[in-house]
Amino acid sequence: MEENTDIKKEPVSTEEEVQIAKTANTRRVFFIHLSIFILVIALVWVLWYFLSSIIKEEFSSGLFKICICVSLIWLIIVIFHYLISFRWTRTRAEKEVSKLRKKRDKQIEEINALKEEIKQKADELKDNQKN
């Protein structure tokens, strides 16, 4: 029986792919939160508009203040959710790992440059000894 070798096997998930999936999910959740915020705040203000004409003036101004406070507090929460989802996605550990990798790469380059310099000096010494 002949095996079908044309079928591509799914690659094993790496740490980076898992992190990408988490980031995508966090951003998706933010957009759901934003949609709910817009709908609920719109509903709150529509209710305030209709209720303000029905209830007494002193209660209407209190209801207005409540609507303002709820809207502003929730808006601040949505802004922070945005920042967490889109701006502050890299953790401190990821930043430290990136910094250490750059430092390691620089050290490797320096080592390779020194090896090349040693090799050149050794070749020069061999040439000098032959002459």
N, C-alpha and C. Protein backbone atom coordinates (compact mmCIF):
# COMPACT_ATOMS: atom_id res chain seq x y z
N MET A 1 0.84 -1.17 0.00
CA MET A 1 0.00 0.00 0.00
C MET A 1 0.90 1.24 0.00
N GLU A 2 0.60 2.21 -0.84
CA GLU A 2 1.41 3.40 -1.00
C GLU A 2 0.85 4.52 -0.13
N GLU A 3 1.74 5.19 0.60
CA GLU A 3 1.32 6.29 1.46
C GLU A 3 1.26 7.57 0.67
N ASN A 4 0.32 8.41 1.01
CA ASN A 4 0.18 9.70 0.36
C ASN A 4 1.12 10.69 1.04
N THR A 5 2.18 11.06 0.36
CA THR A 5 3.16 11.98 0.93
C THR A 5 2.86 13.43 0.58
N ASP A 6 1.82 13.67 -0.21
CA ASP A 6 1.48 15.04 -0.60
C ASP A 6 0.77 15.80 0.52
N ILE A 7 0.22 15.08 1.49
CA ILE A 7 -0.51 15.73 2.57
C ILE A 7 0.48 16.39 3.51
N LYS A 8 0.27 17.65 3.75
CA LYS A 8 1.16 18.39 4.64
C LYS A 8 0.70 18.18 6.08
N LYS A 9 1.65 17.86 6.93
CA LYS A 9 1.34 17.72 8.34
C LYS A 9 1.33 19.11 8.97
N GLU A 10 0.45 19.29 9.95
CA GLU A 10 0.40 20.57 10.64
C GLU A 10 1.65 20.74 11.48
N PRO A 11 2.24 21.92 11.43
CA PRO A 11 3.44 22.13 12.23
C PRO A 11 3.11 22.15 13.72
N VAL A 12 4.06 21.78 14.50
CA VAL A 12 3.90 21.81 15.94
C VAL A 12 3.88 23.27 16.39
N SER A 13 2.95 23.58 17.28
CA SER A 13 2.84 24.96 17.77
C SER A 13 4.08 25.33 18.54
N THR A 14 4.61 26.47 18.20
CA THR A 14 5.76 26.98 18.93
C THR A 14 5.27 27.99 19.96
N GLU A 15 6.16 28.39 20.82
CA GLU A 15 5.83 29.38 21.85
C GLU A 15 5.37 30.69 21.20
N GLU A 16 6.01 31.04 20.09
CA GLU A 16 5.65 32.28 19.40
C GLU A 16 4.25 32.20 18.81
N GLU A 17 3.90 31.07 18.24
CA GLU A 17 2.56 30.90 17.67
C GLU A 17 1.49 30.96 18.75
N VAL A 18 1.79 30.38 19.89
CA VAL A 18 0.84 30.43 21.02
C VAL A 18 0.66 31.87 21.47
N GLN A 19 1.75 32.63 21.53
CA GLN A 19 1.67 34.04 21.94
C GLN A 19 0.87 34.85 20.91
N ILE A 20 1.07 34.56 19.62
CA ILE A 20 0.31 35.26 18.58
C ILE A 20 -1.18 34.97 18.71
N ALA A 21 -1.52 33.72 19.00
CA ALA A 21 -2.93 33.34 19.18
C ALA A 21 -3.52 34.06 20.38
N LYS A 22 -2.76 34.17 21.47
CA LYS A 22 -3.25 34.87 22.66
C LYS A 22 -3.48 36.35 22.35
N THR A 23 -2.55 36.96 21.63
CA THR A 23 -2.67 38.37 21.28
C THR A 23 -3.90 38.60 20.39
N ALA A 24 -4.10 37.72 19.41
CA ALA A 24 -5.27 37.84 18.53
C ALA A 24 -6.56 37.70 19.32
N ASN A 25 -6.58 36.78 20.27
CA ASN A 25 -7.77 36.58 21.09
C ASN A 25 -8.02 37.80 21.97
N THR A 26 -6.97 38.38 22.53
CA THR A 26 -7.11 39.57 23.37
C THR A 26 -7.70 40.73 22.56
N ARG A 27 -7.24 40.87 21.33
CA ARG A 27 -7.76 41.95 20.48
C ARG A 27 -9.20 41.69 20.08
N ARG A 28 -9.55 40.44 19.83
CA ARG A 28 -10.93 40.10 19.50
C ARG A 28 -11.85 40.43 20.67
N VAL A 29 -11.41 40.08 21.88
CA VAL A 29 -12.20 40.38 23.08
C VAL A 29 -12.37 41.89 23.25
N PHE A 30 -11.33 42.66 22.92
CA PHE A 30 -11.45 44.12 23.01
C PHE A 30 -12.56 44.62 22.08
N PHE A 31 -12.60 44.13 20.85
CA PHE A 31 -13.62 44.60 19.91
C PHE A 31 -15.03 44.21 20.37
N ILE A 32 -15.16 43.06 21.00
CA ILE A 32 -16.45 42.68 21.59
C ILE A 32 -16.82 43.66 22.70
N HIS A 33 -15.84 43.97 23.57
CA HIS A 33 -16.06 44.91 24.66
C HIS A 33 -16.46 46.29 24.11
N LEU A 34 -15.77 46.75 23.08
CA LEU A 34 -16.08 48.04 22.47
C LEU A 34 -17.50 48.06 21.91
N SER A 35 -17.89 46.99 21.24
CA SER A 35 -19.25 46.90 20.68
C SER A 35 -20.31 46.96 21.78
N ILE A 36 -20.09 46.21 22.85
CA ILE A 36 -21.04 46.21 23.96
C ILE A 36 -21.09 47.61 24.59
N PHE A 37 -19.94 48.24 24.75
CA PHE A 37 -19.89 49.59 25.31
C PHE A 37 -20.73 50.55 24.48
N ILE A 38 -20.54 50.54 23.17
CA ILE A 38 -21.26 51.46 22.30
C ILE A 38 -22.77 51.21 22.38
N LEU A 39 -23.17 49.96 22.34
CA LEU A 39 -24.60 49.64 22.39
C LEU A 39 -25.23 50.02 23.73
N VAL A 40 -24.58 49.68 24.82
CA VAL A 40 -25.16 49.96 26.14
C VAL A 40 -25.19 51.45 26.42
N ILE A 41 -24.12 52.16 26.09
CA ILE A 41 -24.11 53.61 26.34
C ILE A 41 -25.16 54.31 25.48
N ALA A 42 -25.31 53.87 24.25
CA ALA A 42 -26.36 54.44 23.40
C ALA A 42 -27.74 54.18 24.02
N LEU A 43 -27.96 52.98 24.53
CA LEU A 43 -29.23 52.64 25.16
C LEU A 43 -29.44 53.49 26.42
N VAL A 44 -28.40 53.67 27.21
CA VAL A 44 -28.51 54.48 28.44
C VAL A 44 -28.93 55.91 28.09
N TRP A 45 -28.32 56.50 27.06
CA TRP A 45 -28.65 57.87 26.71
C TRP A 45 -30.03 57.99 26.07
N VAL A 46 -30.43 57.00 25.31
CA VAL A 46 -31.79 57.01 24.75
C VAL A 46 -32.81 56.91 25.88
N LEU A 47 -32.55 56.03 26.85
CA LEU A 47 -33.45 55.93 28.00
C LEU A 47 -33.49 57.24 28.78
N TRP A 48 -32.33 57.87 28.98
CA TRP A 48 -32.31 59.14 29.69
C TRP A 48 -33.14 60.18 28.94
N TYR A 49 -33.01 60.23 27.62
CA TYR A 49 -33.75 61.20 26.83
C TYR A 49 -35.26 61.04 27.00
N PHE A 50 -35.71 59.79 26.94
CA PHE A 50 -37.15 59.56 27.07
C PHE A 50 -37.62 59.73 28.52
N LEU A 51 -36.82 59.30 29.48
CA LEU A 51 -37.22 59.43 30.88
C LEU A 51 -37.16 60.87 31.37
N SER A 52 -36.27 61.68 30.80
CA SER A 52 -36.13 63.06 31.27
C SER A 52 -37.39 63.88 30.99
N SER A 53 -38.13 63.51 29.96
CA SER A 53 -39.36 64.25 29.67
C SER A 53 -40.52 63.75 30.53
N ILE A 54 -40.39 62.57 31.10
CA ILE A 54 -41.48 62.00 31.90
C ILE A 54 -41.33 62.36 33.38
N ILE A 55 -40.11 62.29 33.89
CA ILE A 55 -39.92 62.49 35.33
C ILE A 55 -39.67 63.96 35.65
N LYS A 56 -39.70 64.27 36.96
CA LYS A 56 -39.52 65.65 37.41
C LYS A 56 -38.11 66.14 37.10
N GLU A 57 -37.96 67.47 37.04
CA GLU A 57 -36.70 68.11 36.67
C GLU A 57 -35.57 67.75 37.63
N GLU A 58 -35.85 67.73 38.95
CA GLU A 58 -34.78 67.45 39.92
C GLU A 58 -34.26 66.02 39.79
N PHE A 59 -35.12 65.09 39.43
CA PHE A 59 -34.68 63.71 39.22
C PHE A 59 -33.95 63.56 37.89
N SER A 60 -34.38 64.35 36.92
CA SER A 60 -33.77 64.30 35.60
C SER A 60 -32.30 64.72 35.64
N SER A 61 -31.99 65.76 36.42
CA SER A 61 -30.60 66.20 36.50
C SER A 61 -29.74 65.17 37.22
N GLY A 62 -30.28 64.50 38.20
CA GLY A 62 -29.55 63.42 38.89
C GLY A 62 -29.31 62.25 37.96
N LEU A 63 -30.31 61.92 37.17
CA LEU A 63 -30.17 60.84 36.19
C LEU A 63 -29.13 61.19 35.13
N PHE A 64 -29.10 62.48 34.75
CA PHE A 64 -28.10 62.94 33.78
C PHE A 64 -26.69 62.76 34.34
N LYS A 65 -26.49 63.12 35.61
CA LYS A 65 -25.18 62.97 36.23
C LYS A 65 -24.77 61.49 36.30
N ILE A 66 -25.72 60.64 36.59
CA ILE A 66 -25.43 59.19 36.64
C ILE A 66 -25.02 58.70 35.26
N CYS A 67 -25.73 59.14 34.22
CA CYS A 67 -25.39 58.72 32.85
C CYS A 67 -24.00 59.21 32.45
N ILE A 68 -23.67 60.45 32.82
CA ILE A 68 -22.34 61.00 32.53
C ILE A 68 -21.27 60.17 33.23
N CYS A 69 -21.47 59.90 34.53
CA CYS A 69 -20.47 59.15 35.30
C CYS A 69 -20.27 57.74 34.74
N VAL A 70 -21.36 57.05 34.45
CA VAL A 70 -21.26 55.69 33.89
C VAL A 70 -20.53 55.73 32.56
N SER A 71 -20.88 56.69 31.72
CA SER A 71 -20.24 56.79 30.40
C SER A 71 -18.75 57.07 30.51
N LEU A 72 -18.37 58.01 31.35
CA LEU A 72 -16.96 58.36 31.49
C LEU A 72 -16.13 57.25 32.12
N ILE A 73 -16.66 56.64 33.17
CA ILE A 73 -15.92 55.55 33.83
C ILE A 73 -15.73 54.39 32.87
N TRP A 74 -16.80 54.03 32.18
CA TRP A 74 -16.70 52.90 31.24
C TRP A 74 -15.78 53.26 30.07
N LEU A 75 -15.82 54.51 29.62
CA LEU A 75 -14.92 54.95 28.55
C LEU A 75 -13.46 54.82 28.97
N ILE A 76 -13.16 55.18 30.20
CA ILE A 76 -11.79 55.03 30.71
C ILE A 76 -11.39 53.55 30.72
N ILE A 77 -12.30 52.70 31.14
CA ILE A 77 -12.03 51.25 31.14
C ILE A 77 -11.77 50.75 29.72
N VAL A 78 -12.56 51.21 28.76
CA VAL A 78 -12.37 50.79 27.37
C VAL A 78 -11.03 51.29 26.83
N ILE A 79 -10.65 52.50 27.19
CA ILE A 79 -9.35 53.03 26.75
C ILE A 79 -8.21 52.18 27.30
N PHE A 80 -8.28 51.82 28.59
CA PHE A 80 -7.24 50.97 29.15
C PHE A 80 -7.25 49.58 28.52
N HIS A 81 -8.43 49.07 28.21
CA HIS A 81 -8.52 47.77 27.53
C HIS A 81 -7.85 47.86 26.16
N TYR A 82 -8.05 48.96 25.45
CA TYR A 82 -7.39 49.18 24.17
C TYR A 82 -5.87 49.18 24.33
N LEU A 83 -5.39 49.94 25.32
CA LEU A 83 -3.95 50.03 25.55
C LEU A 83 -3.36 48.66 25.87
N ILE A 84 -4.05 47.90 26.68
CA ILE A 84 -3.57 46.56 27.03
C ILE A 84 -3.57 45.66 25.81
N SER A 85 -4.60 45.76 24.99
CA SER A 85 -4.73 44.87 23.84
C SER A 85 -3.80 45.22 22.69
N PHE A 86 -3.55 46.50 22.45
CA PHE A 86 -2.81 46.90 21.26
C PHE A 86 -1.46 47.55 21.54
N ARG A 87 -1.27 48.15 22.68
CA ARG A 87 -0.03 48.88 22.94
C ARG A 87 0.90 48.17 23.91
N TRP A 88 0.33 47.58 24.95
CA TRP A 88 1.15 46.98 25.99
C TRP A 88 1.13 45.46 25.90
N THR A 89 1.23 44.92 24.67
CA THR A 89 1.11 43.47 24.49
C THR A 89 2.38 42.73 24.88
N ARG A 90 3.52 43.38 24.78
CA ARG A 90 4.77 42.71 25.15
C ARG A 90 4.96 42.77 26.65
N THR A 91 5.23 41.63 27.22
CA THR A 91 5.45 41.58 28.65
C THR A 91 6.89 41.99 28.96
N ARG A 92 7.14 42.24 30.20
CA ARG A 92 8.50 42.59 30.63
C ARG A 92 9.46 41.45 30.34
N ALA A 93 8.99 40.22 30.53
CA ALA A 93 9.85 39.06 30.28
C ALA A 93 10.24 39.00 28.80
N GLU A 94 9.29 39.25 27.90
CA GLU A 94 9.59 39.23 26.47
C GLU A 94 10.60 40.32 26.12
N LYS A 95 10.46 41.49 26.71
CA LYS A 95 11.40 42.57 26.46
C LYS A 95 12.79 42.20 26.96
N GLU A 96 12.86 41.57 28.12
CA GLU A 96 14.15 41.17 28.68
C GLU A 96 14.80 40.09 27.82
N VAL A 97 13.99 39.13 27.34
CA VAL A 97 14.52 38.08 26.46
C VAL A 97 15.05 38.69 25.18
N SER A 98 14.33 39.64 24.61
CA SER A 98 14.77 40.30 23.38
C SER A 98 16.08 41.05 23.61
N LYS A 99 16.17 41.73 24.74
CA LYS A 99 17.39 42.47 25.08
C LYS A 99 18.57 41.51 25.24
N LEU A 100 18.35 40.39 25.92
CA LEU A 100 19.42 39.42 26.12
C LEU A 100 19.85 38.76 24.80
N ARG A 101 18.89 38.51 23.92
CA ARG A 101 19.22 37.94 22.61
C ARG A 101 20.10 38.89 21.80
N LYS A 102 19.75 40.17 21.83
CA LYS A 102 20.56 41.17 21.11
C LYS A 102 21.97 41.23 21.68
N LYS A 103 22.05 41.18 23.01
CA LYS A 103 23.36 41.21 23.66
C LYS A 103 24.17 39.97 23.28
N ARG A 104 23.52 38.80 23.26
CA ARG A 104 24.19 37.55 22.88
C ARG A 104 24.66 37.61 21.44
N ASP A 105 23.82 38.09 20.54
CA ASP A 105 24.20 38.20 19.13
C ASP A 105 25.39 39.13 18.95
N LYS A 106 25.41 40.22 19.70
CA LYS A 106 26.54 41.16 19.62
C LYS A 106 27.82 40.48 20.11
N GLN A 107 27.71 39.71 21.19
CA GLN A 107 28.87 39.00 21.72
C GLN A 107 29.37 37.95 20.72
N ILE A 108 28.46 37.26 20.06
CA ILE A 108 28.84 36.25 19.06
C ILE A 108 29.57 36.93 17.90
N GLU A 109 29.07 38.09 17.46
CA GLU A 109 29.75 38.83 16.40
C GLU A 109 31.16 39.23 16.82
N GLU A 110 31.29 39.70 18.06
CA GLU A 110 32.61 40.08 18.56
C GLU A 110 33.55 38.87 18.61
N ILE A 111 33.05 37.73 19.06
CA ILE A 111 33.85 36.50 19.12
C ILE A 111 34.30 36.09 17.73
N ASN A 112 33.37 36.14 16.77
CA ASN A 112 33.72 35.77 15.39
C ASN A 112 34.76 36.72 14.82
N ALA A 113 34.63 38.01 15.13
CA ALA A 113 35.62 38.98 14.66
C ALA A 113 36.98 38.69 15.27
N LEU A 114 37.01 38.35 16.56
CA LEU A 114 38.27 38.02 17.22
C LEU A 114 38.88 36.74 16.64
N LYS A 115 38.04 35.75 16.36
CA LYS A 115 38.53 34.50 15.75
C LYS A 115 39.16 34.79 14.39
N GLU A 116 38.51 35.64 13.62
CA GLU A 116 39.03 35.99 12.30
C GLU A 116 40.36 36.73 12.43
N GLU A 117 40.44 37.62 13.41
CA GLU A 117 41.68 38.35 13.64
C GLU A 117 42.80 37.41 14.07
N ILE A 118 42.49 36.46 14.95
CA ILE A 118 43.48 35.47 15.39
C ILE A 118 43.95 34.62 14.22
N LYS A 119 43.01 34.23 13.37
CA LYS A 119 43.35 33.42 12.19
C LYS A 119 44.28 34.20 11.27
N GLN A 120 43.98 35.48 11.05
CA GLN A 120 44.84 36.30 10.20
C GLN A 120 46.23 36.45 10.79
N LYS A 121 46.30 36.67 12.10
CA LYS A 121 47.61 36.81 12.77
C LYS A 121 48.40 35.49 12.67
N ALA A 122 47.69 34.36 12.84
CA ALA A 122 48.35 33.06 12.73
C ALA A 122 48.88 32.84 11.32
N ASP A 123 48.08 33.21 10.32
CA ASP A 123 48.54 33.07 8.92
C ASP A 123 49.76 33.97 8.66
N GLU A 124 49.76 35.18 9.22
CA GLU A 124 50.88 36.09 9.06
C GLU A 124 52.14 35.51 9.72
N LEU A 125 51.98 34.92 10.89
CA LEU A 125 53.13 34.30 11.58
C LEU A 125 53.70 33.13 10.78
N LYS A 126 52.81 32.33 10.22
CA LYS A 126 53.26 31.20 9.38
C LYS A 126 54.01 31.70 8.17
N ASP A 127 53.48 32.76 7.54
CA ASP A 127 54.16 33.32 6.38
C ASP A 127 55.54 33.89 6.76
N ASN A 128 55.61 34.54 7.91
CA ASN A 128 56.87 35.11 8.39
C ASN A 128 57.89 34.01 8.73
N GLN A 129 57.42 32.92 9.29
CA GLN A 129 58.31 31.81 9.65
C GLN A 129 58.85 31.11 8.41
N LYS A 130 58.06 31.04 7.35
CA LYS A 130 58.48 30.42 6.11
C LYS A 130 59.55 31.27 5.41
N ASN A 131 59.47 32.57 5.55
CA ASN A 131 60.44 33.48 4.89
C ASN A 131 61.66 33.60 5.70
